N, C-alpha and C. Protein backbone atom coordinates (compact mmCIF):
# COMPACT_ATOMS: atom_id res chain seq x y z
N MET A 1 -82.08 -97.01 128.81
CA MET A 1 -82.53 -98.02 128.08
C MET A 1 -83.11 -98.99 129.18
N CYS A 2 -82.44 -99.39 130.34
CA CYS A 2 -82.56 -100.25 130.82
C CYS A 2 -84.17 -100.14 131.54
N PHE A 3 -84.60 -99.08 131.70
CA PHE A 3 -85.92 -98.62 132.11
C PHE A 3 -86.96 -98.47 131.72
N TYR A 4 -86.67 -99.30 130.56
CA TYR A 4 -87.71 -99.37 129.63
C TYR A 4 -87.62 -100.38 129.45
N GLY A 5 -86.72 -101.38 129.98
CA GLY A 5 -86.51 -102.94 129.53
C GLY A 5 -87.49 -103.40 130.95
N VAL A 6 -87.23 -103.12 131.91
CA VAL A 6 -87.88 -103.40 133.18
C VAL A 6 -89.43 -103.06 132.91
N LEU A 7 -89.39 -101.99 132.59
CA LEU A 7 -91.20 -101.56 132.27
C LEU A 7 -91.86 -102.15 131.52
N ALA A 8 -91.00 -103.11 130.36
CA ALA A 8 -91.75 -104.23 129.25
C ALA A 8 -92.05 -105.46 129.97
N ILE A 9 -90.64 -105.84 130.77
CA ILE A 9 -90.94 -106.74 131.28
C ILE A 9 -91.90 -107.38 132.17
N SER A 10 -92.10 -106.04 133.45
CA SER A 10 -92.70 -105.97 134.58
C SER A 10 -94.77 -106.23 133.51
N LEU A 11 -94.60 -106.11 132.55
CA LEU A 11 -96.14 -105.73 131.71
C LEU A 11 -96.25 -106.72 131.49
N SER A 12 -95.19 -107.45 130.87
CA SER A 12 -95.27 -108.77 130.15
C SER A 12 -96.08 -109.81 131.29
N ILE A 13 -94.97 -109.85 132.35
CA ILE A 13 -95.46 -110.75 133.58
C ILE A 13 -97.08 -110.30 133.77
N TYR A 14 -97.55 -109.17 133.77
CA TYR A 14 -98.67 -109.00 134.92
C TYR A 14 -100.07 -109.37 133.33
N ILE A 15 -99.49 -109.65 131.80
CA ILE A 15 -100.18 -110.09 131.22
C ILE A 15 -100.55 -111.37 131.02
N TRP A 16 -99.57 -112.12 131.75
CA TRP A 16 -99.10 -113.08 132.04
C TRP A 16 -99.95 -113.93 132.76
N LEU A 17 -99.42 -113.01 133.77
CA LEU A 17 -100.22 -113.83 135.50
C LEU A 17 -102.30 -113.20 134.72
N ILE A 18 -102.26 -112.10 134.47
CA ILE A 18 -103.73 -112.30 133.63
C ILE A 18 -104.92 -113.77 133.11
N ILE A 19 -103.36 -113.83 132.40
CA ILE A 19 -104.09 -114.63 131.34
C ILE A 19 -103.78 -116.12 132.10
N LEU A 20 -103.25 -116.30 132.87
CA LEU A 20 -102.96 -117.72 133.90
C LEU A 20 -104.10 -117.94 135.21
N TRP A 21 -104.94 -116.38 135.32
CA TRP A 21 -105.65 -116.28 136.25
C TRP A 21 -106.76 -116.38 136.20
N ASP A 22 -107.14 -116.69 134.51
CA ASP A 22 -108.62 -116.54 133.97
C ASP A 22 -109.48 -115.27 134.51
N LEU A 23 -108.82 -113.87 134.80
CA LEU A 23 -109.91 -113.03 135.33
C LEU A 23 -110.93 -113.24 134.31
N GLY A 24 -111.91 -112.76 135.26
CA GLY A 24 -113.37 -112.46 133.76
C GLY A 24 -113.98 -113.47 133.33
N GLN A 25 -113.88 -114.32 134.01
CA GLN A 25 -114.08 -115.71 133.09
C GLN A 25 -115.20 -116.13 134.11
N GLY A 26 -116.24 -116.74 133.94
CA GLY A 26 -117.28 -117.12 134.65
C GLY A 26 -118.24 -117.67 133.51
N PHE A 27 -119.60 -117.68 134.44
CA PHE A 27 -120.77 -117.91 134.06
C PHE A 27 -122.03 -116.63 134.26
N ASN A 28 -123.37 -117.39 133.51
CA ASN A 28 -124.26 -115.73 133.75
C ASN A 28 -125.53 -117.68 133.95
N GLU A 29 -126.09 -117.72 134.90
CA GLU A 29 -127.15 -118.79 135.09
C GLU A 29 -128.31 -117.96 135.65
N PHE A 30 -129.59 -118.38 134.66
CA PHE A 30 -131.13 -117.95 134.86
C PHE A 30 -131.82 -118.96 134.89
N ASN A 31 -132.26 -119.09 136.33
CA ASN A 31 -132.87 -119.82 136.59
C ASN A 31 -134.21 -119.82 137.18
N THR A 32 -135.58 -119.66 136.35
CA THR A 32 -136.89 -119.61 136.29
C THR A 32 -137.36 -120.49 137.31
N GLU A 33 -137.16 -121.94 137.86
CA GLU A 33 -138.01 -122.33 138.52
C GLU A 33 -137.51 -121.60 140.15
N THR A 34 -136.24 -121.42 140.55
CA THR A 34 -135.87 -120.78 141.51
C THR A 34 -136.64 -119.31 142.11
N GLY A 35 -136.28 -118.92 140.56
CA GLY A 35 -136.78 -117.21 140.32
C GLY A 35 -135.05 -115.84 140.46
N GLU A 36 -134.41 -117.02 140.42
CA GLU A 36 -132.75 -116.59 140.84
C GLU A 36 -131.77 -116.51 139.54
N ILE A 37 -131.10 -115.15 139.69
CA ILE A 37 -130.28 -114.84 138.79
C ILE A 37 -128.98 -115.18 139.25
N ARG A 38 -127.79 -115.71 138.66
CA ARG A 38 -126.57 -116.23 139.47
C ARG A 38 -125.24 -115.57 138.63
N ILE A 39 -124.54 -114.50 138.40
CA ILE A 39 -123.28 -114.04 137.38
C ILE A 39 -122.18 -114.35 138.51
N PHE A 40 -121.10 -115.48 138.00
CA PHE A 40 -120.28 -115.82 138.75
C PHE A 40 -119.17 -115.22 138.16
N ARG A 41 -117.85 -114.26 138.34
CA ARG A 41 -117.05 -114.55 137.45
C ARG A 41 -115.40 -114.76 138.68
N TRP A 42 -114.16 -114.75 137.92
CA TRP A 42 -112.93 -115.39 138.71
C TRP A 42 -112.26 -113.33 138.70
N GLY A 43 -111.74 -113.46 139.93
CA GLY A 43 -110.97 -111.71 139.92
C GLY A 43 -109.51 -112.34 140.76
N PHE A 44 -108.86 -111.61 140.87
CA PHE A 44 -107.84 -111.36 141.17
C PHE A 44 -107.33 -111.99 142.19
N PRO A 45 -106.62 -113.30 142.69
CA PRO A 45 -105.98 -113.50 143.86
C PRO A 45 -106.36 -113.08 144.97
N GLY A 46 -106.48 -113.64 145.88
CA GLY A 46 -106.81 -113.08 147.58
C GLY A 46 -107.67 -113.64 147.90
N LYS A 47 -108.45 -112.80 149.15
CA LYS A 47 -109.10 -112.84 149.92
C LYS A 47 -110.59 -113.25 148.65
N ASN A 48 -111.05 -111.92 148.06
CA ASN A 48 -112.19 -111.67 147.24
C ASN A 48 -112.08 -112.13 146.08
N ARG A 49 -111.51 -113.48 145.51
CA ARG A 49 -111.14 -113.83 143.98
C ARG A 49 -112.81 -114.29 143.78
N ARG A 50 -113.58 -115.09 144.09
CA ARG A 50 -114.58 -115.54 143.45
C ARG A 50 -115.61 -114.34 143.91
N ILE A 51 -116.09 -113.89 143.01
CA ILE A 51 -117.29 -113.01 142.76
C ILE A 51 -118.60 -113.48 142.29
N ASP A 52 -119.34 -113.78 143.17
CA ASP A 52 -120.54 -114.57 142.82
C ASP A 52 -122.03 -113.25 143.48
N LEU A 53 -122.88 -113.16 142.31
CA LEU A 53 -124.01 -111.98 142.73
C LEU A 53 -125.18 -112.85 142.13
N LYS A 54 -125.82 -112.58 143.73
CA LYS A 54 -127.27 -113.36 142.73
C LYS A 54 -128.24 -112.33 143.48
N TYR A 55 -129.12 -112.41 142.26
CA TYR A 55 -130.44 -111.54 142.80
C TYR A 55 -131.81 -112.25 141.54
N LEU A 56 -132.87 -111.54 142.31
CA LEU A 56 -133.71 -112.36 142.30
C LEU A 56 -134.49 -111.73 140.52
N ILE A 57 -135.04 -112.43 139.74
CA ILE A 57 -135.62 -112.17 139.00
C ILE A 57 -136.68 -111.19 138.64
N SER A 58 -137.25 -110.87 140.07
CA SER A 58 -138.21 -110.04 140.13
C SER A 58 -137.73 -108.26 140.48
N ASP A 59 -136.58 -108.56 140.58
CA ASP A 59 -135.98 -107.22 140.96
C ASP A 59 -135.10 -107.08 139.17
N VAL A 60 -135.64 -107.63 138.08
CA VAL A 60 -134.69 -107.34 136.95
C VAL A 60 -135.68 -106.20 136.46
N GLN A 61 -135.39 -104.87 135.73
CA GLN A 61 -136.15 -103.93 135.32
C GLN A 61 -136.58 -104.34 133.76
N SER A 62 -135.16 -104.56 132.75
CA SER A 62 -135.36 -104.76 131.63
C SER A 62 -133.50 -105.43 131.41
N ILE A 63 -133.47 -105.63 129.82
CA ILE A 63 -132.34 -105.88 129.12
C ILE A 63 -132.34 -104.93 128.08
N ARG A 64 -130.82 -104.59 128.27
CA ARG A 64 -130.54 -103.11 127.50
C ARG A 64 -129.05 -103.47 126.59
N VAL A 65 -129.41 -103.51 125.54
CA VAL A 65 -128.58 -103.57 124.23
C VAL A 65 -127.93 -102.31 124.26
N GLU A 66 -126.21 -102.08 123.98
CA GLU A 66 -125.67 -101.02 124.00
C GLU A 66 -124.58 -101.23 122.31
N ILE A 67 -125.03 -100.59 121.70
CA ILE A 67 -124.31 -100.76 119.97
C ILE A 67 -123.01 -99.49 119.97
N ASN A 68 -122.25 -99.47 119.87
CA ASN A 68 -120.83 -98.50 119.67
C ASN A 68 -120.29 -98.81 118.17
N GLU A 69 -120.58 -98.02 117.70
CA GLU A 69 -119.87 -98.93 115.95
C GLU A 69 -118.71 -97.70 116.16
N GLY A 70 -117.71 -98.01 115.10
CA GLY A 70 -116.41 -97.27 115.27
C GLY A 70 -114.89 -97.64 115.32
N LEU A 71 -113.96 -97.12 115.48
CA LEU A 71 -112.91 -97.52 115.73
C LEU A 71 -112.66 -98.99 116.49
N ASN A 72 -113.16 -98.32 117.88
CA ASN A 72 -113.47 -99.21 118.76
C ASN A 72 -114.58 -99.67 118.73
N PRO A 73 -115.64 -100.52 117.86
CA PRO A 73 -116.52 -101.24 118.48
C PRO A 73 -117.38 -101.58 119.60
N ARG A 74 -118.29 -101.53 120.73
CA ARG A 74 -118.38 -102.22 121.31
C ARG A 74 -119.93 -102.81 121.18
N ARG A 75 -120.50 -104.11 121.73
CA ARG A 75 -121.26 -104.60 121.62
C ARG A 75 -121.59 -105.18 122.53
N VAL A 76 -122.79 -104.47 123.55
CA VAL A 76 -122.70 -105.42 125.14
C VAL A 76 -124.49 -104.87 125.55
N ILE A 77 -124.27 -106.82 126.20
CA ILE A 77 -125.91 -106.40 127.21
C ILE A 77 -125.89 -106.52 128.38
N TYR A 78 -126.65 -105.64 129.15
CA TYR A 78 -126.84 -105.07 130.17
C TYR A 78 -128.05 -105.86 131.04
N LEU A 79 -127.75 -106.49 132.05
CA LEU A 79 -129.01 -106.58 132.63
C LEU A 79 -129.15 -105.67 133.92
N LYS A 80 -130.43 -104.81 133.37
CA LYS A 80 -130.58 -103.43 134.48
C LYS A 80 -131.92 -104.26 135.75
N LEU A 81 -131.02 -103.25 136.72
CA LEU A 81 -131.43 -104.13 137.95
C LEU A 81 -132.59 -102.69 138.45
N ARG A 82 -133.48 -102.90 139.20
CA ARG A 82 -134.27 -101.49 139.99
C ARG A 82 -133.15 -100.70 140.74
N GLY A 83 -133.14 -99.75 140.87
CA GLY A 83 -131.82 -98.60 141.09
C GLY A 83 -130.85 -98.19 140.52
N ASN A 84 -131.31 -98.48 138.82
CA ASN A 84 -130.53 -97.76 138.26
C ASN A 84 -128.60 -99.45 138.26
N ARG A 85 -129.23 -99.89 138.23
CA ARG A 85 -128.16 -100.57 138.38
C ARG A 85 -127.86 -101.98 137.35
N GLU A 86 -127.00 -101.31 136.31
CA GLU A 86 -126.45 -102.36 135.75
C GLU A 86 -125.17 -103.20 135.24
N ILE A 87 -125.24 -104.43 135.25
CA ILE A 87 -124.33 -105.41 135.24
C ILE A 87 -124.10 -106.40 133.13
N PRO A 88 -122.69 -106.31 132.65
CA PRO A 88 -122.81 -106.65 132.19
C PRO A 88 -122.89 -108.30 131.82
N LEU A 89 -123.62 -108.16 130.90
CA LEU A 89 -123.00 -109.72 130.77
C LEU A 89 -122.58 -110.95 129.51
N THR A 90 -121.71 -109.93 128.35
CA THR A 90 -121.78 -110.03 126.88
C THR A 90 -119.77 -110.05 127.93
N ARG A 91 -118.87 -111.09 127.52
CA ARG A 91 -117.83 -111.24 127.47
C ARG A 91 -116.71 -110.32 126.91
N ALA A 92 -115.75 -109.88 127.16
CA ALA A 92 -114.60 -108.95 126.58
C ALA A 92 -114.05 -109.73 125.67
N GLY A 93 -113.81 -108.53 124.68
CA GLY A 93 -113.22 -109.57 123.08
C GLY A 93 -113.56 -108.76 122.27
N GLN A 94 -113.48 -109.13 121.21
CA GLN A 94 -113.80 -109.44 120.30
C GLN A 94 -115.67 -109.74 119.79
N PRO A 95 -115.88 -108.39 119.53
CA PRO A 95 -117.24 -107.83 119.49
C PRO A 95 -118.37 -108.99 118.54
N ILE A 96 -119.48 -109.60 119.34
CA ILE A 96 -120.23 -110.91 118.28
C ILE A 96 -121.24 -109.71 117.15
N SER A 97 -121.41 -110.68 115.95
CA SER A 97 -122.09 -109.84 115.39
C SER A 97 -123.77 -109.27 116.06
N ILE A 98 -124.40 -107.93 115.30
CA ILE A 98 -125.22 -107.57 115.23
C ILE A 98 -126.53 -108.49 115.71
N GLN A 99 -126.75 -109.63 114.32
CA GLN A 99 -128.11 -110.02 114.41
C GLN A 99 -127.18 -111.25 116.21
N GLU A 100 -126.48 -111.44 116.34
CA GLU A 100 -126.15 -112.58 116.96
C GLU A 100 -126.52 -112.35 118.89
N LEU A 101 -126.53 -110.96 118.85
CA LEU A 101 -126.45 -110.06 119.74
C LEU A 101 -127.94 -109.91 120.14
N GLU A 102 -128.64 -109.43 119.41
CA GLU A 102 -130.36 -108.87 119.28
C GLU A 102 -130.67 -110.37 119.35
N ASN A 103 -130.08 -111.51 118.67
CA ASN A 103 -131.16 -113.28 119.10
C ASN A 103 -130.84 -113.19 120.61
N GLN A 104 -129.60 -113.06 120.85
CA GLN A 104 -129.17 -113.38 122.38
C GLN A 104 -129.83 -112.49 123.12
N ALA A 105 -129.79 -110.97 123.25
CA ALA A 105 -130.81 -110.43 123.72
C ALA A 105 -132.31 -110.39 123.86
N ALA A 106 -132.83 -110.72 122.84
CA ALA A 106 -134.27 -110.98 122.93
C ALA A 106 -134.28 -112.18 123.47
N GLU A 107 -133.72 -113.24 123.45
CA GLU A 107 -134.32 -114.50 124.00
C GLU A 107 -134.38 -114.67 125.72
N LEU A 108 -133.18 -113.52 126.22
CA LEU A 108 -133.05 -113.85 127.56
C LEU A 108 -134.38 -112.58 128.18
N ALA A 109 -134.67 -111.91 127.11
CA ALA A 109 -135.63 -110.83 127.65
C ALA A 109 -137.16 -111.81 127.62
N ARG A 110 -137.37 -112.51 126.49
CA ARG A 110 -138.30 -113.60 126.49
C ARG A 110 -138.09 -114.27 127.80
N THR A 111 -137.33 -114.88 127.75
CA THR A 111 -136.99 -116.15 129.07
C THR A 111 -137.03 -115.28 130.62
N LEU A 112 -137.21 -114.09 131.07
CA LEU A 112 -137.34 -113.11 131.89
C LEU A 112 -138.63 -112.51 131.90
N GLN A 113 -138.79 -112.86 130.97
CA GLN A 113 -140.20 -111.91 130.90
C GLN A 113 -140.41 -110.46 130.81
N VAL A 114 -139.32 -109.67 131.11
CA VAL A 114 -139.24 -108.22 131.18
C VAL A 114 -138.72 -107.79 129.46
N SER A 115 -139.26 -106.15 129.53
CA SER A 115 -138.49 -105.91 127.83
C SER A 115 -137.23 -105.53 127.53
N LEU A 116 -137.10 -104.90 126.50
CA LEU A 116 -135.88 -105.09 126.10
C LEU A 116 -135.59 -103.71 125.14
N GLU A 117 -134.63 -103.19 125.75
CA GLU A 117 -134.38 -101.41 125.29
C GLU A 117 -133.19 -101.83 124.44
N GLY A 118 -133.36 -100.59 123.69
CA GLY A 118 -131.73 -99.87 123.21
C GLY A 118 -131.51 -100.80 121.57
N ILE A 119 -132.76 -101.14 121.33
CA ILE A 119 -132.99 -102.05 119.64
C ILE A 119 -133.78 -101.07 118.86
């Protein structure tokens, strides 16, 4: 019983630290004037806590939408770059509606002037 108690307390401390550190929180910035895309996220504390990715808009190949329904639904918008690199843009948690997802992806593809895949 002590083993399960220690395991439960350790897991709860880990989950509370994730909440306090705001892991995965951040923003996406698409600047058409400078032609840059900036994706910023917070990571685990330490030397590499700030995850700051910068790309050129000209490196974007397309916007891809992935919709998986079922027991664990997944609805994600990916930024597809040259070299087959895909970066997820939607946040984790409760999936947004399909209509909202399609509107966001279409608006982003229109802004970046790239094609939209997966719809």
